[in-house]
Amino acid sequence: MDDKLRIKLLIGDANYPLRINRADEQLYRDAARHINDMLNRYRETFPGLSKEQYLAMVALHFSYMNMEHQHDNDTAPFAERLQQSISLLTDYLTDEPQENQKPINP
């Protein structure tokens, strides 16, 4: 069974027919709503610009947000710090206790 759905989204002043996975419908509708909200904010804040200028501003806004969140999801610094901690713990647990080290009781 084909789980595709045909929908029309109104973005700005134009309709966009799409064929999407049924499970993604709400995400597409929310995205279109979010774009329209941003378009309206820019229209109110900067009156008199062209439709293309408003769309470019919205595109820049969402692109910036996307790039900003990509940096939030960068786990490399945490993975490196975690590996250092694991190495320290491994060294501690595999070494014989020294005179100034207290053994860890489980």
Protein backbone atom coordinates (compact mmCIF):
# COMPACT_ATOMS: atom_id res chain seq x y z
CA MET A 1 0.00 0.00 0.00
CA ASP A 2 1.28 3.42 -0.95
CA ASP A 3 1.26 5.59 2.17
CA LYS A 4 1.60 8.84 0.22
CA LEU A 5 -0.69 11.81 0.58
CA ARG A 6 -1.33 14.78 -1.69
CA ILE A 7 -1.65 18.08 0.12
CA LYS A 8 -1.63 21.77 -0.79
CA LEU A 9 0.23 24.23 1.38
CA LEU A 10 -0.35 27.97 1.25
CA ILE A 11 2.97 29.76 1.75
CA GLY A 12 2.86 33.48 1.33
CA ASP A 13 0.37 34.04 -1.44
CA ALA A 14 1.02 30.82 -3.36
CA ASN A 15 -0.29 27.28 -3.16
CA TYR A 16 2.23 24.45 -3.29
CA PRO A 17 0.92 20.99 -4.12
CA LEU A 18 3.03 18.26 -2.52
CA ARG A 19 3.07 14.50 -2.39
CA ILE A 20 4.38 13.47 1.02
CA ASN A 21 4.46 10.53 3.39
CA ARG A 22 1.25 10.46 5.39
CA ALA A 23 3.23 10.34 8.64
CA ASP A 24 4.91 13.66 7.76
CA GLU A 25 1.74 15.65 7.09
CA GLN A 26 1.60 17.50 10.40
CA LEU A 27 5.28 18.37 10.19
CA TYR A 28 4.78 19.90 6.74
CA ARG A 29 1.72 21.82 7.87
CA ASP A 30 3.52 23.12 10.96
CA ALA A 31 6.51 24.15 8.83
CA ALA A 32 4.25 26.07 6.42
CA ARG A 33 2.53 27.76 9.36
CA HIS A 34 5.90 28.72 10.80
CA ILE A 35 7.04 30.18 7.45
CA ASN A 36 3.82 32.21 7.16
CA ASP A 37 4.21 33.49 10.72
CA MET A 38 7.75 34.66 9.95
CA LEU A 39 6.62 36.25 6.67
CA ASN A 40 3.96 38.21 8.54
CA ARG A 41 6.46 39.36 11.18
CA TYR A 42 8.87 40.61 8.53
CA ARG A 43 6.03 42.33 6.63
CA GLU A 44 5.01 44.17 9.82
CA THR A 45 8.57 45.05 10.81
CA PHE A 46 9.82 46.07 7.34
CA PRO A 47 6.85 47.34 5.32
CA GLY A 48 7.19 48.07 1.62
CA LEU A 49 9.62 45.34 0.57
CA SER A 50 8.99 42.94 -2.29
CA LYS A 51 7.66 39.41 -1.83
CA GLU A 52 11.07 38.05 -2.85
CA GLN A 53 12.82 40.16 -0.21
CA TYR A 54 10.51 38.87 2.53
CA LEU A 55 11.01 35.28 1.37
CA ALA A 56 14.80 35.81 1.31
CA MET A 57 14.70 37.16 4.88
CA VAL A 58 12.67 34.14 6.04
CA ALA A 59 15.04 31.76 4.23
CA LEU A 60 18.02 33.44 5.90
CA HIS A 61 16.32 33.26 9.29
CA PHE A 62 15.61 29.52 9.01
CA SER A 63 19.02 28.77 7.55
CA TYR A 64 20.67 30.56 10.45
CA MET A 65 18.53 28.68 12.97
CA ASN A 66 19.39 25.36 11.31
CA MET A 67 23.11 26.08 11.37
CA GLU A 68 22.94 27.23 14.97
CA HIS A 69 21.25 23.98 16.00
CA GLN A 70 23.83 21.92 14.12
CA HIS A 71 26.44 23.36 16.48
CA ASP A 72 24.23 22.50 19.46
CA ASN A 73 24.21 18.87 18.34
CA ASP A 74 28.00 18.60 18.01
CA THR A 75 28.90 15.97 20.58
CA ALA A 76 32.59 15.68 19.64
CA PRO A 77 33.87 17.77 22.60
CA PHE A 78 31.77 15.71 25.01
CA ALA A 79 32.86 12.43 23.46
CA GLU A 80 36.51 13.45 23.81
CA ARG A 81 36.04 14.44 27.46
CA LEU A 82 34.14 11.21 28.13
CA GLN A 83 36.96 9.16 26.58
CA GLN A 84 39.49 10.96 28.80
CA SER A 85 37.39 10.17 31.87
CA ILE A 86 37.05 6.53 30.86
CA SER A 87 40.82 6.29 30.40
CA LEU A 88 41.45 7.81 33.83
CA LEU A 89 38.98 5.43 35.46
CA THR A 90 40.41 2.43 33.63
CA ASP A 91 43.93 3.38 34.71
CA TYR A 92 42.78 3.85 38.29
CA LEU A 93 40.90 0.55 38.44
CA THR A 94 43.64 -1.53 36.81
CA ASP A 95 46.60 -0.12 38.74
CA GLU A 96 47.65 -1.50 42.11
CA PRO A 97 46.69 0.84 44.92
CA GLN A 98 49.56 3.06 45.98
CA GLU A 99 50.30 4.09 49.55
CA ASN A 100 48.38 7.37 49.29
CA GLN A 101 45.44 5.85 47.34
CA LYS A 102 42.47 4.41 49.13
CA PRO A 103 40.85 1.41 47.47
CA ILE A 104 37.32 1.91 46.18
CA ASN A 105 34.76 -0.30 47.88
CA PRO A 106 32.00 -1.50 45.55
